[in-house]
Amino acid sequence: MKNVIILFMLALLGVSTQAQEKKNKNAKYTVAINGNCEHCKKRIEKAAFSVSGVKSANWSIETHQLVLILNEEKTSIFDLETAVAKVGHDSKDVKAEKEVYDKLPACCLYVRE
């Protein structure tokens, strides 16, 4: 009986330590975001900075990559991609609504997958 109690306690300890994922306050990510031009760059970066916890955001016209530093205690990549989609730009996991995409200036209309 004593061994069963000890095994049960060890199992609980393992579960509780597994649930405590450490969040990084300066996590660096690169996310592919669709866009074409300088107007897209400004819109994408403005949307990124509207998300609480984003410390740095730089979107490249050439590579379509958004390089950012964010506080994982305050936000997530999904939150960031959702904010960018709300202004008309798709990422791999979050797509902009058609109505929002259709309102982008002609120079910003990228080929959607």
N, C-alpha and C. Protein backbone atom coordinates (compact mmCIF):
# COMPACT_ATOMS: atom_id res chain seq x y z
N MET A 1 0.83 -1.19 0.00
CA MET A 1 0.00 0.00 0.00
C MET A 1 0.88 1.26 0.00
N LYS A 2 1.95 1.22 0.77
CA LYS A 2 2.86 2.37 0.85
C LYS A 2 3.49 2.63 -0.51
N ASN A 3 3.84 1.55 -1.23
CA ASN A 3 4.44 1.70 -2.56
C ASN A 3 3.45 2.30 -3.55
N VAL A 4 2.17 1.96 -3.44
CA VAL A 4 1.14 2.50 -4.32
C VAL A 4 1.00 4.00 -4.10
N ILE A 5 1.01 4.43 -2.86
CA ILE A 5 0.91 5.85 -2.53
C ILE A 5 2.11 6.61 -3.08
N ILE A 6 3.28 6.05 -2.93
CA ILE A 6 4.49 6.70 -3.43
C ILE A 6 4.44 6.81 -4.95
N LEU A 7 4.02 5.75 -5.64
CA LEU A 7 3.92 5.79 -7.10
C LEU A 7 2.89 6.83 -7.55
N PHE A 8 1.77 6.90 -6.83
CA PHE A 8 0.74 7.89 -7.15
C PHE A 8 1.28 9.30 -7.01
N MET A 9 2.02 9.56 -5.94
CA MET A 9 2.57 10.89 -5.70
C MET A 9 3.62 11.24 -6.77
N LEU A 10 4.42 10.27 -7.16
CA LEU A 10 5.41 10.52 -8.21
C LEU A 10 4.73 10.81 -9.55
N ALA A 11 3.64 10.12 -9.83
CA ALA A 11 2.90 10.37 -11.06
C ALA A 11 2.33 11.78 -11.06
N LEU A 12 1.78 12.22 -9.94
CA LEU A 12 1.25 13.58 -9.84
C LEU A 12 2.34 14.62 -10.00
N LEU A 13 3.49 14.36 -9.41
CA LEU A 13 4.62 15.28 -9.53
C LEU A 13 5.04 15.41 -10.99
N GLY A 14 5.08 14.31 -11.71
CA GLY A 14 5.44 14.33 -13.12
C GLY A 14 4.47 15.13 -13.95
N VAL A 15 3.18 15.01 -13.69
CA VAL A 15 2.16 15.75 -14.42
C VAL A 15 2.26 17.24 -14.11
N SER A 16 2.48 17.60 -12.86
CA SER A 16 2.52 19.02 -12.51
C SER A 16 3.76 19.71 -13.08
N THR A 17 4.88 19.03 -13.15
CA THR A 17 6.07 19.66 -13.73
C THR A 17 5.95 19.76 -15.23
N GLN A 18 5.23 18.85 -15.86
CA GLN A 18 5.05 18.88 -17.29
C GLN A 18 4.14 20.05 -17.69
N ALA A 19 3.20 20.41 -16.85
CA ALA A 19 2.25 21.47 -17.15
C ALA A 19 2.86 22.86 -17.03
N GLN A 20 4.00 22.98 -16.40
CA GLN A 20 4.62 24.28 -16.19
C GLN A 20 5.61 24.57 -17.32
N GLU A 21 5.07 25.04 -18.43
CA GLU A 21 5.90 25.39 -19.58
C GLU A 21 6.45 26.79 -19.40
N LYS A 22 7.75 26.93 -19.56
CA LYS A 22 8.37 28.23 -19.36
C LYS A 22 8.12 29.13 -20.57
N LYS A 23 7.64 30.32 -20.30
CA LYS A 23 7.36 31.31 -21.34
C LYS A 23 8.55 32.25 -21.47
N ASN A 24 8.91 32.56 -22.69
CA ASN A 24 10.05 33.41 -22.98
C ASN A 24 9.57 34.85 -23.19
N LYS A 25 10.19 35.78 -22.51
CA LYS A 25 9.81 37.19 -22.64
C LYS A 25 10.41 37.85 -23.87
N ASN A 26 11.37 37.20 -24.51
CA ASN A 26 12.01 37.73 -25.73
C ASN A 26 12.14 36.63 -26.76
N ALA A 27 11.02 35.99 -27.08
CA ALA A 27 11.04 34.89 -28.05
C ALA A 27 11.11 35.45 -29.46
N LYS A 28 11.98 34.89 -30.28
CA LYS A 28 12.16 35.35 -31.65
C LYS A 28 11.48 34.35 -32.59
N TYR A 29 10.67 34.87 -33.49
CA TYR A 29 9.95 34.04 -34.45
C TYR A 29 10.08 34.63 -35.84
N THR A 30 9.92 33.78 -36.84
CA THR A 30 9.80 34.20 -38.23
C THR A 30 8.54 33.56 -38.77
N VAL A 31 7.65 34.40 -39.31
CA VAL A 31 6.35 33.93 -39.79
C VAL A 31 6.17 34.39 -41.23
N ALA A 32 5.76 33.49 -42.11
CA ALA A 32 5.47 33.84 -43.50
C ALA A 32 4.12 34.55 -43.56
N ILE A 33 4.12 35.75 -44.13
CA ILE A 33 2.91 36.56 -44.29
C ILE A 33 2.84 37.02 -45.74
N ASN A 34 1.69 36.82 -46.39
CA ASN A 34 1.53 37.22 -47.79
C ASN A 34 1.35 38.73 -47.91
N GLY A 35 1.98 39.29 -48.93
CA GLY A 35 1.91 40.71 -49.23
C GLY A 35 2.82 41.01 -50.41
N ASN A 36 2.81 42.27 -50.87
CA ASN A 36 3.56 42.61 -52.08
C ASN A 36 4.48 43.81 -51.98
N CYS A 37 4.08 44.83 -51.23
CA CYS A 37 4.72 46.13 -51.42
C CYS A 37 4.94 46.87 -50.09
N GLU A 38 5.38 48.11 -50.23
CA GLU A 38 5.65 48.96 -49.07
C GLU A 38 4.37 49.23 -48.28
N HIS A 39 3.24 49.36 -48.97
CA HIS A 39 1.96 49.55 -48.27
C HIS A 39 1.64 48.33 -47.39
N CYS A 40 1.88 47.15 -47.95
CA CYS A 40 1.67 45.90 -47.19
C CYS A 40 2.57 45.89 -45.96
N LYS A 41 3.83 46.25 -46.16
CA LYS A 41 4.80 46.26 -45.06
C LYS A 41 4.29 47.12 -43.90
N LYS A 42 3.86 48.33 -44.22
CA LYS A 42 3.36 49.23 -43.17
C LYS A 42 2.14 48.66 -42.48
N ARG A 43 1.21 48.10 -43.26
CA ARG A 43 -0.02 47.55 -42.70
C ARG A 43 0.27 46.34 -41.81
N ILE A 44 1.13 45.44 -42.28
CA ILE A 44 1.46 44.22 -41.54
C ILE A 44 2.17 44.57 -40.23
N GLU A 45 3.16 45.45 -40.30
CA GLU A 45 3.90 45.83 -39.10
C GLU A 45 3.02 46.57 -38.11
N LYS A 46 2.13 47.42 -38.59
CA LYS A 46 1.21 48.13 -37.70
C LYS A 46 0.28 47.14 -36.99
N ALA A 47 -0.21 46.15 -37.73
CA ALA A 47 -1.07 45.12 -37.12
C ALA A 47 -0.29 44.32 -36.08
N ALA A 48 0.97 44.01 -36.38
CA ALA A 48 1.79 43.25 -35.43
C ALA A 48 1.99 44.03 -34.14
N PHE A 49 2.30 45.31 -34.27
CA PHE A 49 2.53 46.13 -33.07
C PHE A 49 1.25 46.41 -32.28
N SER A 50 0.09 46.17 -32.89
CA SER A 50 -1.17 46.35 -32.16
C SER A 50 -1.41 45.22 -31.16
N VAL A 51 -0.63 44.15 -31.28
CA VAL A 51 -0.78 42.99 -30.38
C VAL A 51 0.09 43.23 -29.14
N SER A 52 -0.53 43.18 -27.98
CA SER A 52 0.19 43.36 -26.72
C SER A 52 1.26 42.29 -26.58
N GLY A 53 2.47 42.71 -26.27
CA GLY A 53 3.57 41.76 -26.09
C GLY A 53 4.53 41.70 -27.26
N VAL A 54 4.17 42.29 -28.40
CA VAL A 54 5.08 42.32 -29.54
C VAL A 54 6.08 43.45 -29.32
N LYS A 55 7.35 43.09 -29.30
CA LYS A 55 8.41 44.07 -29.03
C LYS A 55 9.08 44.57 -30.29
N SER A 56 9.13 43.73 -31.31
CA SER A 56 9.80 44.08 -32.55
C SER A 56 9.09 43.35 -33.69
N ALA A 57 8.92 44.02 -34.83
CA ALA A 57 8.29 43.39 -35.99
C ALA A 57 8.85 44.02 -37.25
N ASN A 58 9.37 43.20 -38.15
CA ASN A 58 9.93 43.69 -39.40
C ASN A 58 9.57 42.70 -40.51
N TRP A 59 8.73 43.16 -41.46
CA TRP A 59 8.30 42.33 -42.57
C TRP A 59 9.13 42.66 -43.80
N SER A 60 9.62 41.64 -44.48
CA SER A 60 10.45 41.82 -45.68
C SER A 60 9.61 41.65 -46.94
N ILE A 61 9.66 42.65 -47.82
CA ILE A 61 8.95 42.59 -49.09
C ILE A 61 9.51 41.46 -49.95
N GLU A 62 10.80 41.27 -49.93
CA GLU A 62 11.45 40.27 -50.77
C GLU A 62 11.15 38.83 -50.33
N THR A 63 11.19 38.57 -49.03
CA THR A 63 11.04 37.19 -48.55
C THR A 63 9.64 36.88 -48.02
N HIS A 64 8.84 37.91 -47.79
CA HIS A 64 7.50 37.78 -47.20
C HIS A 64 7.55 37.17 -45.80
N GLN A 65 8.65 37.40 -45.10
CA GLN A 65 8.85 36.89 -43.75
C GLN A 65 8.72 38.03 -42.74
N LEU A 66 7.94 37.78 -41.72
CA LEU A 66 7.81 38.73 -40.61
C LEU A 66 8.70 38.21 -39.48
N VAL A 67 9.74 38.95 -39.17
CA VAL A 67 10.64 38.59 -38.08
C VAL A 67 10.21 39.41 -36.88
N LEU A 68 9.95 38.73 -35.77
CA LEU A 68 9.47 39.46 -34.61
C LEU A 68 10.02 38.90 -33.31
N ILE A 69 9.97 39.76 -32.32
CA ILE A 69 10.31 39.39 -30.95
C ILE A 69 9.06 39.69 -30.13
N LEU A 70 8.64 38.68 -29.37
CA LEU A 70 7.44 38.87 -28.56
C LEU A 70 7.59 38.24 -27.19
N ASN A 71 6.75 38.71 -26.30
CA ASN A 71 6.69 38.19 -24.93
C ASN A 71 5.63 37.11 -24.92
N GLU A 72 6.06 35.85 -24.77
CA GLU A 72 5.12 34.72 -24.79
C GLU A 72 4.20 34.70 -23.58
N GLU A 73 4.51 35.48 -22.56
CA GLU A 73 3.61 35.57 -21.41
C GLU A 73 2.39 36.43 -21.74
N LYS A 74 2.50 37.27 -22.76
CA LYS A 74 1.42 38.19 -23.12
C LYS A 74 0.69 37.83 -24.40
N THR A 75 1.34 37.11 -25.31
CA THR A 75 0.71 36.83 -26.60
C THR A 75 1.27 35.55 -27.21
N SER A 76 0.74 35.20 -28.37
CA SER A 76 1.18 33.99 -29.08
C SER A 76 1.27 34.30 -30.57
N ILE A 77 1.86 33.39 -31.30
CA ILE A 77 1.95 33.53 -32.75
C ILE A 77 0.54 33.54 -33.35
N PHE A 78 -0.35 32.72 -32.81
CA PHE A 78 -1.73 32.70 -33.31
C PHE A 78 -2.39 34.07 -33.15
N ASP A 79 -2.19 34.72 -32.01
CA ASP A 79 -2.74 36.07 -31.80
C ASP A 79 -2.19 37.05 -32.84
N LEU A 80 -0.90 36.94 -33.12
CA LEU A 80 -0.26 37.80 -34.10
C LEU A 80 -0.83 37.55 -35.49
N GLU A 81 -0.91 36.28 -35.89
CA GLU A 81 -1.43 35.95 -37.21
C GLU A 81 -2.89 36.39 -37.37
N THR A 82 -3.66 36.30 -36.29
CA THR A 82 -5.06 36.74 -36.32
C THR A 82 -5.15 38.24 -36.54
N ALA A 83 -4.30 39.01 -35.87
CA ALA A 83 -4.28 40.47 -36.04
C ALA A 83 -3.90 40.85 -37.46
N VAL A 84 -2.93 40.16 -38.03
CA VAL A 84 -2.49 40.45 -39.40
C VAL A 84 -3.59 40.05 -40.40
N ALA A 85 -4.27 38.96 -40.15
CA ALA A 85 -5.37 38.54 -41.03
C ALA A 85 -6.51 39.55 -41.02
N LYS A 86 -6.73 40.19 -39.88
CA LYS A 86 -7.81 41.18 -39.78
C LYS A 86 -7.58 42.39 -40.67
N VAL A 87 -6.32 42.62 -41.08
CA VAL A 87 -6.04 43.75 -41.98
C VAL A 87 -5.83 43.27 -43.42
N GLY A 88 -6.09 41.98 -43.69
CA GLY A 88 -6.10 41.50 -45.07
C GLY A 88 -4.96 40.61 -45.51
N HIS A 89 -4.09 40.19 -44.61
CA HIS A 89 -2.91 39.42 -45.03
C HIS A 89 -2.93 38.02 -44.43
N ASP A 90 -2.78 37.03 -45.32
CA ASP A 90 -2.80 35.62 -44.93
C ASP A 90 -1.46 35.17 -44.38
N SER A 91 -1.53 34.22 -43.45
CA SER A 91 -0.36 33.46 -43.01
C SER A 91 -0.70 32.00 -43.28
N LYS A 92 0.20 31.13 -42.94
CA LYS A 92 -0.03 29.70 -43.17
C LYS A 92 -1.26 29.20 -42.40
N ASP A 93 -1.41 29.66 -41.17
CA ASP A 93 -2.46 29.12 -40.30
C ASP A 93 -3.72 29.97 -40.21
N VAL A 94 -3.65 31.26 -40.54
CA VAL A 94 -4.81 32.14 -40.40
C VAL A 94 -4.99 32.92 -41.70
N LYS A 95 -6.17 32.79 -42.30
CA LYS A 95 -6.48 33.46 -43.56
C LYS A 95 -7.37 34.68 -43.31
N ALA A 96 -7.13 35.73 -44.05
CA ALA A 96 -7.96 36.94 -43.98
C ALA A 96 -9.33 36.64 -44.59
N GLU A 97 -10.34 37.30 -44.07
CA GLU A 97 -11.66 37.16 -44.66
C GLU A 97 -11.63 37.76 -46.07
N LYS A 98 -12.39 37.15 -46.98
CA LYS A 98 -12.40 37.59 -48.37
C LYS A 98 -12.78 39.07 -48.50
N GLU A 99 -13.75 39.50 -47.71
CA GLU A 99 -14.20 40.89 -47.77
C GLU A 99 -13.08 41.86 -47.40
N VAL A 100 -12.27 41.49 -46.43
CA VAL A 100 -11.16 42.35 -46.00
C VAL A 100 -10.06 42.34 -47.07
N TYR A 101 -9.73 41.16 -47.59
CA TYR A 101 -8.72 41.04 -48.65
C TYR A 101 -9.13 41.87 -49.88
N ASP A 102 -10.41 41.76 -50.26
CA ASP A 102 -10.90 42.46 -51.46
C ASP A 102 -10.81 43.97 -51.34
N LYS A 103 -10.75 44.50 -50.13
CA LYS A 103 -10.67 45.96 -49.92
C LYS A 103 -9.23 46.49 -49.95
N LEU A 104 -8.25 45.60 -50.06
CA LEU A 104 -6.85 46.05 -50.13
C LEU A 104 -6.64 46.82 -51.44
N PRO A 105 -5.70 47.78 -51.45
CA PRO A 105 -5.37 48.46 -52.70
C PRO A 105 -4.89 47.45 -53.75
N ALA A 106 -5.04 47.77 -55.01
CA ALA A 106 -4.68 46.85 -56.11
C ALA A 106 -3.24 46.35 -56.00
N CYS A 107 -2.34 47.23 -55.59
CA CYS A 107 -0.92 46.82 -55.50
C CYS A 107 -0.68 45.80 -54.40
N CYS A 108 -1.61 45.68 -53.49
CA CYS A 108 -1.45 44.78 -52.33
C CYS A 108 -2.13 43.42 -52.54
N LEU A 109 -2.85 43.25 -53.63
CA LEU A 109 -3.58 42.00 -53.87
C LEU A 109 -2.61 40.91 -54.31
N TYR A 110 -2.20 40.10 -53.39
CA TYR A 110 -1.28 38.98 -53.66
C TYR A 110 -2.11 37.77 -54.11
N VAL A 111 -1.44 36.79 -54.68
CA VAL A 111 -2.11 35.56 -55.13
C VAL A 111 -2.40 34.71 -53.89
N ARG A 112 -3.69 34.41 -53.69
CA ARG A 112 -4.10 33.62 -52.53
C ARG A 112 -4.06 32.14 -52.87
N GLU A 113 -3.72 31.33 -51.89
CA GLU A 113 -3.67 29.87 -52.10
C GLU A 113 -5.03 29.26 -51.91
